[in-house]
Amino acid sequence: MPYEYRKYLYLDFQQIWQDASKYNLKDKINIVYEYAIKNKI
């Protein structure tokens, strides 16, 4: 998507609560965060 309009877009990652009660995915989601920031999202 055009970079000039991406400033209006924000990502909000949420682990589904049924899954969160069983799995700790903090380290894996941090990798995704870093990849998004690297790509200017």
PDB file of all heavy atoms in Angstrom:
ATOM      1  N   MET A   1       0.834  -1.187   0.000  1.00  0.00           N
ATOM      2  CA  MET A   1       0.000   0.000   0.000  1.00  0.00           C
ATOM      3  C   MET A   1       0.876   1.247   0.000  1.00  0.00           C
ATOM      4  O   MET A   1       1.964   1.244   0.574  1.00  0.00           O
ATOM      5  CB  MET A   1      -0.939   0.000   1.207  1.00  0.00           C
ATOM      6  CG  MET A   1      -1.931  -1.148   1.226  1.00  0.00           C
ATOM      7  SD  MET A   1      -3.005  -1.114   2.697  1.00  0.00           S
ATOM      8  CE  MET A   1      -4.054  -2.551   2.366  1.00  0.00           C
ATOM      9  N   PRO A   2       0.442   2.336  -0.633  1.00  0.00           N
ATOM     10  CA  PRO A   2       1.252   3.557  -0.701  1.00  0.00           C
ATOM     11  C   PRO A   2       1.683   4.037   0.683  1.00  0.00           C
ATOM     12  O   PRO A   2       0.852   4.133   1.593  1.00  0.00           O
ATOM     13  CB  PRO A   2       0.326   4.569  -1.378  1.00  0.00           C
ATOM     14  CG  PRO A   2      -0.657   3.736  -2.136  1.00  0.00           C
ATOM     15  CD  PRO A   2      -0.849   2.492  -1.334  1.00  0.00           C
ATOM     16  N   TYR A   3       2.941   4.360   0.814  1.00  0.00           N
ATOM     17  CA  TYR A   3       3.491   4.749   2.106  1.00  0.00           C
ATOM     18  C   TYR A   3       2.813   6.001   2.658  1.00  0.00           C
ATOM     19  O   TYR A   3       2.595   6.130   3.867  1.00  0.00           O
ATOM     20  CB  TYR A   3       4.997   4.968   1.987  1.00  0.00           C
ATOM     21  CG  TYR A   3       5.636   5.458   3.264  1.00  0.00           C
ATOM     22  CD1 TYR A   3       5.771   4.617   4.353  1.00  0.00           C
ATOM     23  CD2 TYR A   3       6.076   6.778   3.382  1.00  0.00           C
ATOM     24  CE1 TYR A   3       6.334   5.061   5.532  1.00  0.00           C
ATOM     25  CE2 TYR A   3       6.645   7.231   4.544  1.00  0.00           C
ATOM     26  CZ  TYR A   3       6.776   6.373   5.620  1.00  0.00           C
ATOM     27  OH  TYR A   3       7.334   6.833   6.787  1.00  0.00           O
ATOM     28  N   GLU A   4       2.450   6.947   1.805  1.00  0.00           N
ATOM     29  CA  GLU A   4       1.857   8.200   2.255  1.00  0.00           C
ATOM     30  C   GLU A   4       0.510   8.004   2.945  1.00  0.00           C
ATOM     31  O   GLU A   4       0.068   8.856   3.722  1.00  0.00           O
ATOM     32  CB  GLU A   4       1.691   9.148   1.063  1.00  0.00           C
ATOM     33  CG  GLU A   4       0.750   8.618  -0.022  1.00  0.00           C
ATOM     34  CD  GLU A   4       0.704   9.495  -1.237  1.00  0.00           C
ATOM     35  OE1 GLU A   4       0.258  10.645  -1.121  1.00  0.00           O
ATOM     36  OE2 GLU A   4       1.091   9.007  -2.309  1.00  0.00           O
ATOM     37  N   TYR A   5      -0.155   6.885   2.661  1.00  0.00           N
ATOM     38  CA  TYR A   5      -1.435   6.604   3.297  1.00  0.00           C
ATOM     39  C   TYR A   5      -1.326   5.609   4.446  1.00  0.00           C
ATOM     40  O   TYR A   5      -2.262   5.488   5.245  1.00  0.00           O
ATOM     41  CB  TYR A   5      -2.433   6.087   2.254  1.00  0.00           C
ATOM     42  CG  TYR A   5      -2.737   7.093   1.164  1.00  0.00           C
ATOM     43  CD1 TYR A   5      -2.447   6.818  -0.160  1.00  0.00           C
ATOM     44  CD2 TYR A   5      -3.296   8.321   1.476  1.00  0.00           C
ATOM     45  CE1 TYR A   5      -2.716   7.738  -1.159  1.00  0.00           C
ATOM     46  CE2 TYR A   5      -3.567   9.260   0.486  1.00  0.00           C
ATOM     47  CZ  TYR A   5      -3.266   8.965  -0.831  1.00  0.00           C
ATOM     48  OH  TYR A   5      -3.522   9.894  -1.802  1.00  0.00           O
ATOM     49  N   ARG A   6      -0.212   4.914   4.517  1.00  0.00           N
ATOM     50  CA  ARG A   6      -0.044   3.929   5.577  1.00  0.00           C
ATOM     51  C   ARG A   6       0.001   4.540   6.966  1.00  0.00           C
ATOM     52  O   ARG A   6      -0.185   3.837   7.968  1.00  0.00           O
ATOM     53  CB  ARG A   6       1.227   3.100   5.343  1.00  0.00           C
ATOM     54  CG  ARG A   6       0.955   1.774   4.642  1.00  0.00           C
ATOM     55  CD  ARG A   6       2.209   0.948   4.554  1.00  0.00           C
ATOM     56  NE  ARG A   6       2.996   1.246   3.389  1.00  0.00           N
ATOM     57  CZ  ARG A   6       4.314   1.110   3.310  1.00  0.00           C
ATOM     58  NH1 ARG A   6       5.001   0.691   4.322  1.00  0.00           N
ATOM     59  NH2 ARG A   6       4.945   1.399   2.191  1.00  0.00           N
ATOM     60  N   LYS A   7       0.237   5.862   7.053  1.00  0.00           N
ATOM     61  CA  LYS A   7       0.252   6.497   8.359  1.00  0.00           C
ATOM     62  C   LYS A   7      -1.118   6.484   9.021  1.00  0.00           C
ATOM     63  O   LYS A   7      -1.240   6.738  10.224  1.00  0.00           O
ATOM     64  CB  LYS A   7       0.767   7.929   8.256  1.00  0.00           C
ATOM     65  CG  LYS A   7      -0.104   8.870   7.442  1.00  0.00           C
ATOM     66  CD  LYS A   7       0.522  10.250   7.359  1.00  0.00           C
ATOM     67  CE  LYS A   7      -0.310  11.214   6.537  1.00  0.00           C
ATOM     68  NZ  LYS A   7       0.323  12.559   6.424  1.00  0.00           N
ATOM     69  N   TYR A   8      -2.160   6.189   8.241  1.00  0.00           N
ATOM     70  CA  TYR A   8      -3.508   6.096   8.783  1.00  0.00           C
ATOM     71  C   TYR A   8      -3.850   4.679   9.239  1.00  0.00           C
ATOM     72  O   TYR A   8      -4.955   4.438   9.716  1.00  0.00           O
ATOM     73  CB  TYR A   8      -4.532   6.566   7.749  1.00  0.00           C
ATOM     74  CG  TYR A   8      -4.347   8.003   7.338  1.00  0.00           C
ATOM     75  CD1 TYR A   8      -3.735   8.331   6.125  1.00  0.00           C
ATOM     76  CD2 TYR A   8      -4.767   9.031   8.165  1.00  0.00           C
ATOM     77  CE1 TYR A   8      -3.553   9.647   5.750  1.00  0.00           C
ATOM     78  CE2 TYR A   8      -4.584  10.358   7.802  1.00  0.00           C
ATOM     79  CZ  TYR A   8      -3.973  10.659   6.601  1.00  0.00           C
ATOM     80  OH  TYR A   8      -3.776  11.979   6.240  1.00  0.00           O
ATOM     81  N   LEU A   9      -2.901   3.774   9.101  1.00  0.00           N
ATOM     82  CA  LEU A   9      -3.126   2.365   9.419  1.00  0.00           C
ATOM     83  C   LEU A   9      -2.284   1.954  10.623  1.00  0.00           C
ATOM     84  O   LEU A   9      -1.084   2.222  10.672  1.00  0.00           O
ATOM     85  CB  LEU A   9      -2.771   1.492   8.217  1.00  0.00           C
ATOM     86  CG  LEU A   9      -2.841  -0.027   8.407  1.00  0.00           C
ATOM     87  CD1 LEU A   9      -4.276  -0.467   8.675  1.00  0.00           C
ATOM     88  CD2 LEU A   9      -2.283  -0.739   7.180  1.00  0.00           C
ATOM     89  N   TYR A  10      -2.920   1.278  11.591  1.00  0.00           N
ATOM     90  CA  TYR A  10      -2.238   0.782  12.776  1.00  0.00           C
ATOM     91  C   TYR A  10      -2.585  -0.687  12.984  1.00  0.00           C
ATOM     92  O   TYR A  10      -3.735  -1.088  12.825  1.00  0.00           O
ATOM     93  CB  TYR A  10      -2.643   1.583  14.022  1.00  0.00           C
ATOM     94  CG  TYR A  10      -2.094   2.988  14.046  1.00  0.00           C
ATOM     95  CD1 TYR A  10      -2.728   4.010  13.345  1.00  0.00           C
ATOM     96  CD2 TYR A  10      -0.940   3.290  14.761  1.00  0.00           C
ATOM     97  CE1 TYR A  10      -2.221   5.298  13.343  1.00  0.00           C
ATOM     98  CE2 TYR A  10      -0.436   4.579  14.779  1.00  0.00           C
ATOM     99  CZ  TYR A  10      -1.075   5.569  14.061  1.00  0.00           C
ATOM    100  OH  TYR A  10      -0.556   6.846  14.063  1.00  0.00           O
ATOM    101  N   LEU A  11      -1.577  -1.474  13.336  1.00  0.00           N
ATOM    102  CA  LEU A  11      -1.795  -2.890  13.605  1.00  0.00           C
ATOM    103  C   LEU A  11      -1.934  -3.122  15.100  1.00  0.00           C
ATOM    104  O   LEU A  11      -1.181  -2.573  15.901  1.00  0.00           O
ATOM    105  CB  LEU A  11      -0.641  -3.739  13.063  1.00  0.00           C
ATOM    106  CG  LEU A  11      -0.303  -3.597  11.577  1.00  0.00           C
ATOM    107  CD1 LEU A  11       0.718  -4.658  11.176  1.00  0.00           C
ATOM    108  CD2 LEU A  11      -1.547  -3.705  10.713  1.00  0.00           C
ATOM    109  N   ASP A  12      -2.879  -3.950  15.458  1.00  0.00           N
ATOM    110  CA  ASP A  12      -3.110  -4.320  16.856  1.00  0.00           C
ATOM    111  C   ASP A  12      -3.186  -5.844  16.928  1.00  0.00           C
ATOM    112  O   ASP A  12      -4.180  -6.443  16.532  1.00  0.00           O
ATOM    113  CB  ASP A  12      -4.400  -3.681  17.368  1.00  0.00           C
ATOM    114  CG  ASP A  12      -4.693  -4.043  18.820  1.00  0.00           C
ATOM    115  OD1 ASP A  12      -3.751  -4.435  19.539  1.00  0.00           O
ATOM    116  OD2 ASP A  12      -5.870  -3.943  19.225  1.00  0.00           O
ATOM    117  N   PHE A  13      -2.118  -6.475  17.405  1.00  0.00           N
ATOM    118  CA  PHE A  13      -2.058  -7.929  17.493  1.00  0.00           C
ATOM    119  C   PHE A  13      -2.670  -8.398  18.805  1.00  0.00           C
ATOM    120  O   PHE A  13      -2.277  -7.957  19.888  1.00  0.00           O
ATOM    121  CB  PHE A  13      -0.612  -8.416  17.384  1.00  0.00           C
ATOM    122  CG  PHE A  13       0.024  -8.161  16.051  1.00  0.00           C
ATOM    123  CD1 PHE A  13       0.725  -6.991  15.808  1.00  0.00           C
ATOM    124  CD2 PHE A  13      -0.090  -9.081  15.023  1.00  0.00           C
ATOM    125  CE1 PHE A  13       1.315  -6.750  14.583  1.00  0.00           C
ATOM    126  CE2 PHE A  13       0.490  -8.846  13.787  1.00  0.00           C
ATOM    127  CZ  PHE A  13       1.194  -7.676  13.564  1.00  0.00           C
ATOM    128  N   GLN A  14      -3.639  -9.315  18.709  1.00  0.00           N
ATOM    129  CA  GLN A  14      -4.313  -9.827  19.894  1.00  0.00           C
ATOM    130  C   GLN A  14      -4.396 -11.346  19.828  1.00  0.00           C
ATOM    131  O   GLN A  14      -4.924 -11.903  18.870  1.00  0.00           O
ATOM    132  CB  GLN A  14      -5.725  -9.238  20.014  1.00  0.00           C
ATOM    133  CG  GLN A  14      -5.768  -7.735  20.227  1.00  0.00           C
ATOM    134  CD  GLN A  14      -5.276  -7.322  21.594  1.00  0.00           C
ATOM    135  OE1 GLN A  14      -5.315  -8.120  22.560  1.00  0.00           O
ATOM    136  NE2 GLN A  14      -4.811  -6.082  21.714  1.00  0.00           N
ATOM    137  N   GLN A  15      -3.872 -11.979  20.867  1.00  0.00           N
ATOM    138  CA  GLN A  15      -3.989 -13.429  20.936  1.00  0.00           C
ATOM    139  C   GLN A  15      -5.404 -13.800  21.361  1.00  0.00           C
ATOM    140  O   GLN A  15      -5.940 -13.276  22.335  1.00  0.00           O
ATOM    141  CB  GLN A  15      -2.973 -14.010  21.927  1.00  0.00           C
ATOM    142  CG  GLN A  15      -2.880 -15.521  21.920  1.00  0.00           C
ATOM    143  CD  GLN A  15      -1.770 -16.054  22.811  1.00  0.00           C
ATOM    144  OE1 GLN A  15      -1.095 -15.294  23.498  1.00  0.00           O
ATOM    145  NE2 GLN A  15      -1.544 -17.353  22.805  1.00  0.00           N
ATOM    146  N   ILE A  16      -6.037 -14.682  20.612  1.00  0.00           N
ATOM    147  CA  ILE A  16      -7.386 -15.132  20.941  1.00  0.00           C
ATOM    148  C   ILE A  16      -7.397 -15.736  22.342  1.00  0.00           C
ATOM    149  O   ILE A  16      -6.521 -16.532  22.692  1.00  0.00           O
ATOM    150  CB  ILE A  16      -7.877 -16.151  19.900  1.00  0.00           C
ATOM    151  CG1 ILE A  16      -8.083 -15.450  18.549  1.00  0.00           C
ATOM    152  CG2 ILE A  16      -9.177 -16.810  20.342  1.00  0.00           C
ATOM    153  CD1 ILE A  16      -8.463 -16.341  17.441  1.00  0.00           C
ATOM    154  N   TRP A  17      -8.376 -15.324  23.141  1.00  0.00           N
ATOM    155  CA  TRP A  17      -8.339 -15.644  24.572  1.00  0.00           C
ATOM    156  C   TRP A  17      -8.361 -17.147  24.830  1.00  0.00           C
ATOM    157  O   TRP A  17      -7.744 -17.620  25.787  1.00  0.00           O
ATOM    158  CB  TRP A  17      -9.484 -14.947  25.309  1.00  0.00           C
ATOM    159  CG  TRP A  17     -10.873 -15.404  24.932  1.00  0.00           C
ATOM    160  CD1 TRP A  17     -11.681 -14.858  23.982  1.00  0.00           C
ATOM    161  CD2 TRP A  17     -11.616 -16.477  25.528  1.00  0.00           C
ATOM    162  NE1 TRP A  17     -12.876 -15.533  23.924  1.00  0.00           N
ATOM    163  CE2 TRP A  17     -12.874 -16.527  24.872  1.00  0.00           C
ATOM    164  CE3 TRP A  17     -11.363 -17.386  26.541  1.00  0.00           C
ATOM    165  CZ2 TRP A  17     -13.858 -17.463  25.193  1.00  0.00           C
ATOM    166  CZ3 TRP A  17     -12.330 -18.324  26.876  1.00  0.00           C
ATOM    167  CH2 TRP A  17     -13.560 -18.364  26.205  1.00  0.00           C
ATOM    168  N   GLN A  18      -9.038 -17.914  23.960  1.00  0.00           N
ATOM    169  CA  GLN A  18      -9.040 -19.369  24.151  1.00  0.00           C
ATOM    170  C   GLN A  18      -7.645 -19.954  23.983  1.00  0.00           C
ATOM    171  O   GLN A  18      -7.296 -20.959  24.590  1.00  0.00           O
ATOM    172  CB  GLN A  18     -10.004 -20.043  23.169  1.00  0.00           C
ATOM    173  CG  GLN A  18     -11.471 -19.699  23.381  1.00  0.00           C
ATOM    174  CD  GLN A  18     -11.950 -18.563  22.523  1.00  0.00           C
ATOM    175  OE1 GLN A  18     -11.172 -17.684  22.145  1.00  0.00           O
ATOM    176  NE2 GLN A  18     -13.224 -18.551  22.177  1.00  0.00           N
ATOM    177  N   ASP A  19      -6.828 -19.328  23.133  1.00  0.00           N
ATOM    178  CA  ASP A  19      -5.463 -19.771  22.883  1.00  0.00           C
ATOM    179  C   ASP A  19      -4.498 -19.238  23.928  1.00  0.00           C
ATOM    180  O   ASP A  19      -3.557 -19.918  24.336  1.00  0.00           O
ATOM    181  CB  ASP A  19      -5.022 -19.315  21.488  1.00  0.00           C
ATOM    182  CG  ASP A  19      -3.717 -19.954  21.028  1.00  0.00           C
ATOM    183  OD1 ASP A  19      -3.767 -21.131  20.607  1.00  0.00           O
ATOM    184  OD2 ASP A  19      -2.667 -19.278  21.070  1.00  0.00           O
ATOM    185  N   ALA A  20      -4.741 -17.998  24.379  1.00  0.00           N
ATOM    186  CA  ALA A  20      -3.847 -17.348  25.345  1.00  0.00           C
ATOM    187  C   ALA A  20      -3.785 -18.089  26.668  1.00  0.00           C
ATOM    188  O   ALA A  20      -2.786 -18.026  27.385  1.00  0.00           O
ATOM    189  CB  ALA A  20      -4.290 -15.900  25.568  1.00  0.00           C
ATOM    190  N   SER A  21      -4.864 -18.776  27.016  1.00  0.00           N
ATOM    191  CA  SER A  21      -4.888 -19.510  28.277  1.00  0.00           C
ATOM    192  C   SER A  21      -3.981 -20.733  28.259  1.00  0.00           C
ATOM    193  O   SER A  21      -3.695 -21.315  29.299  1.00  0.00           O
ATOM    194  CB  SER A  21      -6.324 -19.940  28.604  1.00  0.00           C
ATOM    195  OG  SER A  21      -6.829 -20.823  27.604  1.00  0.00           O
ATOM    196  N   LYS A  22      -3.497 -21.120  27.070  1.00  0.00           N
ATOM    197  CA  LYS A  22      -2.683 -22.336  26.946  1.00  0.00           C
ATOM    198  C   LYS A  22      -1.261 -22.062  26.458  1.00  0.00           C
ATOM    199  O   LYS A  22      -0.354 -22.832  26.775  1.00  0.00           O
ATOM    200  CB  LYS A  22      -3.357 -23.310  25.971  1.00  0.00           C
ATOM    201  CG  LYS A  22      -4.746 -23.771  26.403  1.00  0.00           C
ATOM    202  CD  LYS A  22      -5.356 -24.694  25.347  1.00  0.00           C
ATOM    203  CE  LYS A  22      -6.753 -25.128  25.731  1.00  0.00           C
ATOM    204  NZ  LYS A  22      -7.368 -25.997  24.681  1.00  0.00           N
ATOM    205  N   TYR A  23      -1.073 -20.970  25.690  1.00  0.00           N
ATOM    206  CA  TYR A  23       0.223 -20.773  25.026  1.00  0.00           C
ATOM    207  C   TYR A  23       0.764 -19.360  25.282  1.00  0.00           C
ATOM    208  O   TYR A  23       0.056 -18.367  25.135  1.00  0.00           O
ATOM    209  CB  TYR A  23       0.102 -20.989  23.512  1.00  0.00           C
ATOM    210  CG  TYR A  23      -0.400 -22.361  23.126  1.00  0.00           C
ATOM    211  CD1 TYR A  23      -1.761 -22.564  22.871  1.00  0.00           C
ATOM    212  CD2 TYR A  23       0.465 -23.437  23.007  1.00  0.00           C
ATOM    213  CE1 TYR A  23      -2.237 -23.810  22.516  1.00  0.00           C
ATOM    214  CE2 TYR A  23      -0.003 -24.695  22.657  1.00  0.00           C
ATOM    215  CZ  TYR A  23      -1.354 -24.872  22.411  1.00  0.00           C
ATOM    216  OH  TYR A  23      -1.820 -26.116  22.056  1.00  0.00           O
ATOM    217  N   ASN A  24       2.045 -19.283  25.654  1.00  0.00           N
ATOM    218  CA  ASN A  24       2.747 -18.012  25.807  1.00  0.00           C
ATOM    219  C   ASN A  24       3.530 -17.741  24.525  1.00  0.00           C
ATOM    220  O   ASN A  24       4.524 -18.402  24.246  1.00  0.00           O
ATOM    221  CB  ASN A  24       3.681 -18.046  27.017  1.00  0.00           C
ATOM    222  CG  ASN A  24       4.363 -16.710  27.261  1.00  0.00           C
ATOM    223  OD1 ASN A  24       4.289 -15.784  26.450  1.00  0.00           O
ATOM    224  ND2 ASN A  24       5.038 -16.589  28.393  1.00  0.00           N
ATOM    225  N   LEU A  25       3.078 -16.766  23.752  1.00  0.00           N
ATOM    226  CA  LEU A  25       3.661 -16.488  22.441  1.00  0.00           C
ATOM    227  C   LEU A  25       4.354 -15.128  22.392  1.00  0.00           C
ATOM    228  O   LEU A  25       4.539 -14.565  21.313  1.00  0.00           O
ATOM    229  CB  LEU A  25       2.576 -16.567  21.359  1.00  0.00           C
ATOM    230  CG  LEU A  25       1.799 -17.886  21.279  1.00  0.00           C
ATOM    231  CD1 LEU A  25       0.692 -17.785  20.225  1.00  0.00           C
ATOM    232  CD2 LEU A  25       2.727 -19.048  20.958  1.00  0.00           C
ATOM    233  N   LYS A  26       4.751 -14.606  23.549  1.00  0.00           N
ATOM    234  CA  LYS A  26       5.316 -13.261  23.622  1.00  0.00           C
ATOM    235  C   LYS A  26       6.542 -13.099  22.732  1.00  0.00           C
ATOM    236  O   LYS A  26       6.664 -12.142  21.978  1.00  0.00           O
ATOM    237  CB  LYS A  26       5.672 -12.919  25.072  1.00  0.00           C
ATOM    238  CG  LYS A  26       6.236 -11.500  25.231  1.00  0.00           C
ATOM    239  CD  LYS A  26       6.573 -11.204  26.686  1.00  0.00           C
ATOM    240  CE  LYS A  26       7.162  -9.799  26.816  1.00  0.00           C
ATOM    241  NZ  LYS A  26       7.513  -9.485  28.224  1.00  0.00           N
ATOM    242  N   ASP A  27       7.485 -14.027  22.802  1.00  0.00           N
ATOM    243  CA  ASP A  27       8.719 -13.923  22.020  1.00  0.00           C
ATOM    244  C   ASP A  27       8.435 -13.960  20.519  1.00  0.00           C
ATOM    245  O   ASP A  27       9.026 -13.208  19.733  1.00  0.00           O
ATOM    246  CB  ASP A  27       9.694 -15.037  22.398  1.00  0.00           C
ATOM    247  CG  ASP A  27      10.252 -14.873  23.803  1.00  0.00           C
ATOM    248  OD1 ASP A  27      10.185 -13.747  24.346  1.00  0.00           O
ATOM    249  OD2 ASP A  27      10.744 -15.869  24.372  1.00  0.00           O
ATOM    250  N   LYS A  28       7.500 -14.822  20.122  1.00  0.00           N
ATOM    251  CA  LYS A  28       7.182 -14.952  18.694  1.00  0.00           C
ATOM    252  C   LYS A  28       6.475 -13.712  18.162  1.00  0.00           C
ATOM    253  O   LYS A  28       6.747 -13.276  17.040  1.00  0.00           O
ATOM    254  CB  LYS A  28       6.330 -16.196  18.463  1.00  0.00           C
ATOM    255  CG  LYS A  28       7.077 -17.513  18.659  1.00  0.00           C
ATOM    256  CD  LYS A  28       6.206 -18.708  18.315  1.00  0.00           C
ATOM    257  CE  LYS A  28       6.989 -20.013  18.454  1.00  0.00           C
ATOM    258  NZ  LYS A  28       6.159 -21.199  18.106  1.00  0.00           N
ATOM    259  N   ILE A  29       5.577 -13.140  18.956  1.00  0.00           N
ATOM    260  CA  ILE A  29       4.866 -11.961  18.474  1.00  0.00           C
ATOM    261  C   ILE A  29       5.796 -10.752  18.445  1.00  0.00           C
ATOM    262  O   ILE A  29       5.624  -9.846  17.616  1.00  0.00           O
ATOM    263  CB  ILE A  29       3.598 -11.685  19.316  1.00  0.00           C
ATOM    264  CG1 ILE A  29       2.624 -10.793  18.535  1.00  0.00           C
ATOM    265  CG2 ILE A  29       3.940 -11.045  20.666  1.00  0.00           C
ATOM    266  CD1 ILE A  29       2.098 -11.394  17.274  1.00  0.00           C
ATOM    267  N   ASN A  30       6.787 -10.699  19.313  1.00  0.00           N
ATOM    268  CA  ASN A  30       7.770  -9.608  19.283  1.00  0.00           C
ATOM    269  C   ASN A  30       8.550  -9.611  17.961  1.00  0.00           C
ATOM    270  O   ASN A  30       8.907  -8.550  17.449  1.00  0.00           O
ATOM    271  CB  ASN A  30       8.723  -9.713  20.465  1.00  0.00           C
ATOM    272  CG  ASN A  30       8.103  -9.228  21.763  1.00  0.00           C
ATOM    273  OD1 ASN A  30       7.129  -8.470  21.751  1.00  0.00           O
ATOM    274  ND2 ASN A  30       8.663  -9.645  22.887  1.00  0.00           N
ATOM    275  N   ILE A  31       8.808 -10.783  17.425  1.00  0.00           N
ATOM    276  CA  ILE A  31       9.481 -10.882  16.131  1.00  0.00           C
ATOM    277  C   ILE A  31       8.608 -10.270  15.033  1.00  0.00           C
ATOM    278  O   ILE A  31       9.096  -9.576  14.136  1.00  0.00           O
ATOM    279  CB  ILE A  31       9.822 -12.356  15.808  1.00  0.00           C
ATOM    280  CG1 ILE A  31      10.845 -12.891  16.808  1.00  0.00           C
ATOM    281  CG2 ILE A  31      10.346 -12.494  14.385  1.00  0.00           C
ATOM    282  CD1 ILE A  31      11.107 -14.390  16.680  1.00  0.00           C
ATOM    283  N   VAL A  32       7.296 -10.518  15.122  1.00  0.00           N
ATOM    284  CA  VAL A  32       6.358  -9.948  14.162  1.00  0.00           C
ATOM    285  C   VAL A  32       6.336  -8.422  14.284  1.00  0.00           C
ATOM    286  O   VAL A  32       6.308  -7.697  13.280  1.00  0.00           O
ATOM    287  CB  VAL A  32       4.950 -10.531  14.349  1.00  0.00           C
ATOM    288  CG1 VAL A  32       3.981  -9.932  13.328  1.00  0.00           C
ATOM    289  CG2 VAL A  32       4.968 -12.051  14.222  1.00  0.00           C
ATOM    290  N   TYR A  33       6.321  -7.917  15.540  1.00  0.00           N
ATOM    291  CA  TYR A  33       6.372  -6.469  15.769  1.00  0.00           C
ATOM    292  C   TYR A  33       7.571  -5.857  15.047  1.00  0.00           C
ATOM    293  O   TYR A  33       7.452  -4.845  14.342  1.00  0.00           O
ATOM    294  CB  TYR A  33       6.494  -6.157  17.264  1.00  0.00           C
ATOM    295  CG  TYR A  33       5.261  -6.427  18.089  1.00  0.00           C
ATOM    296  CD1 TYR A  33       5.335  -6.452  19.468  1.00  0.00           C
ATOM    297  CD2 TYR A  33       4.027  -6.647  17.509  1.00  0.00           C
ATOM    298  CE1 TYR A  33       4.229  -6.683  20.252  1.00  0.00           C
ATOM    299  CE2 TYR A  33       2.907  -6.897  18.281  1.00  0.00           C
ATOM    300  CZ  TYR A  33       3.015  -6.917  19.653  1.00  0.00           C
ATOM    301  OH  TYR A  33       1.908  -7.156  20.432  1.00  0.00           O
ATOM    302  N   GLU A  34       8.724  -6.459  15.262  1.00  0.00           N
ATOM    303  CA  GLU A  34       9.957  -5.939  14.678  1.00  0.00           C
ATOM    304  C   GLU A  34       9.898  -5.944  13.155  1.00  0.00           C
ATOM    305  O   GLU A  34      10.379  -5.013  12.497  1.00  0.00           O
ATOM    306  CB  GLU A  34      11.152  -6.756  15.177  1.00  0.00           C
ATOM    307  CG  GLU A  34      11.432  -6.584  16.674  1.00  0.00           C
ATOM    308  CD  GLU A  34      12.482  -7.538  17.191  1.00  0.00           C
ATOM    309  OE1 GLU A  34      13.037  -8.324  16.367  1.00  0.00           O
ATOM    310  OE2 GLU A  34      12.748  -7.530  18.417  1.00  0.00           O
ATOM    311  N   TYR A  35       9.303  -6.978  12.594  1.00  0.00           N
ATOM    312  CA  TYR A  35       9.188  -7.066  11.140  1.00  0.00           C
ATOM    313  C   TYR A  35       8.252  -5.974  10.603  1.00  0.00           C
ATOM    314  O   TYR A  35       8.518  -5.378   9.556  1.00  0.00           O
ATOM    315  CB  TYR A  35       8.681  -8.446  10.735  1.00  0.00           C
ATOM    316  CG  TYR A  35       8.719  -8.705   9.247  1.00  0.00           C
ATOM    317  CD1 TYR A  35       9.922  -8.774   8.561  1.00  0.00           C
ATOM    318  CD2 TYR A  35       7.539  -8.878   8.521  1.00  0.00           C
ATOM    319  CE1 TYR A  35       9.963  -9.004   7.193  1.00  0.00           C
ATOM    320  CE2 TYR A  35       7.568  -9.124   7.158  1.00  0.00           C
ATOM    321  CZ  TYR A  35       8.783  -9.174   6.502  1.00  0.00           C
ATOM    322  OH  TYR A  35       8.808  -9.404   5.141  1.00  0.00           O
ATOM    323  N   ALA A  36       7.168  -5.710  11.329  1.00  0.00           N
ATOM    324  CA  ALA A  36       6.242  -4.656  10.922  1.00  0.00           C
ATOM    325  C   ALA A  36       6.912  -3.286  10.956  1.00  0.00           C
ATOM    326  O   ALA A  36       6.772  -2.490  10.017  1.00  0.00           O
ATOM    327  CB  ALA A  36       5.010  -4.664  11.818  1.00  0.00           C
ATOM    328  N   ILE A  37       7.631  -3.004  12.031  1.00  0.00           N
ATOM    329  CA  ILE A  37       8.324  -1.725  12.165  1.00  0.00           C
ATOM    330  C   ILE A  37       9.376  -1.568  11.079  1.00  0.00           C
ATOM    331  O   ILE A  37       9.536  -0.482  10.496  1.00  0.00           O
ATOM    332  CB  ILE A  37       8.953  -1.608  13.572  1.00  0.00           C
ATOM    333  CG1 ILE A  37       7.844  -1.536  14.632  1.00  0.00           C
ATOM    334  CG2 ILE A  37       9.858  -0.381  13.662  1.00  0.00           C
ATOM    335  CD1 ILE A  37       8.339  -1.679  16.042  1.00  0.00           C
ATOM    336  N   LYS A  38      10.095  -2.643  10.781  1.00  0.00           N
ATOM    337  CA  LYS A  38      11.098  -2.631   9.715  1.00  0.00           C
ATOM    338  C   LYS A  38      10.460  -2.253   8.380  1.00  0.00           C
ATOM    339  O   LYS A  38      11.086  -1.570   7.548  1.00  0.00           O
ATOM    340  CB  LYS A  38      11.772  -4.002   9.618  1.00  0.00           C
ATOM    341  CG  LYS A  38      12.856  -4.100   8.568  1.00  0.00           C
ATOM    342  CD  LYS A  38      13.461  -5.499   8.530  1.00  0.00           C
ATOM    343  CE  LYS A  38      14.517  -5.626   7.438  1.00  0.00           C
ATOM    344  NZ  LYS A  38      15.090  -7.001   7.376  1.00  0.00           N
ATOM    345  N   ASN A  39       9.229  -2.681   8.171  1.00  0.00           N
ATOM    346  CA  ASN A  39       8.519  -2.400   6.931  1.00  0.00           C
ATOM    347  C   ASN A  39       7.664  -1.130   7.015  1.00  0.00           C
ATOM    348  O   ASN A  39       6.784  -0.904   6.177  1.00  0.00           O
ATOM    349  CB  ASN A  39       7.646  -3.587   6.538  1.00  0.00           C
ATOM    350  CG  ASN A  39       8.439  -4.731   5.930  1.00  0.00           C
ATOM    351  OD1 ASN A  39       8.666  -4.777   4.729  1.00  0.00           O
ATOM    352  ND2 ASN A  39       8.865  -5.661   6.783  1.00  0.00           N
ATOM    353  N   LYS A  40       7.915  -0.332   8.054  1.00  0.00           N
ATOM    354  CA  LYS A  40       7.268   0.970   8.230  1.00  0.00           C
ATOM    355  C   LYS A  40       5.750   0.858   8.330  1.00  0.00           C
ATOM    356  O   LYS A  40       4.999   1.640   7.735  1.00  0.00           O
ATOM    357  CB  LYS A  40       7.676   1.918   7.097  1.00  0.00           C
ATOM    358  CG  LYS A  40       9.173   2.204   7.065  1.00  0.00           C
ATOM    359  CD  LYS A  40       9.555   3.161   5.953  1.00  0.00           C
ATOM    360  CE  LYS A  40      11.067   3.427   5.985  1.00  0.00           C
ATOM    361  NZ  LYS A  40      11.482   4.355   4.915  1.00  0.00           N
ATOM    362  N   ILE A  41       5.337  -0.140   9.086  1.00  0.00           N
ATOM    363  CA  ILE A  41       3.918  -0.313   9.418  1.00  0.00           C
ATOM    364  C   ILE A  41       3.736   0.051  10.883  1.00  0.00           C
ATOM    365  O   ILE A  41       4.463  -0.447  11.748  1.00  0.00           O
ATOM    366  CB  ILE A  41       3.434  -1.762   9.181  1.00  0.00           C
ATOM    367  CG1 ILE A  41       3.735  -2.215   7.753  1.00  0.00           C
ATOM    368  CG2 ILE A  41       1.938  -1.869   9.483  1.00  0.00           C
ATOM    369  CD1 ILE A  41       2.941  -1.586   6.699  1.00  0.00           C
TER     370      ILE A  41
END
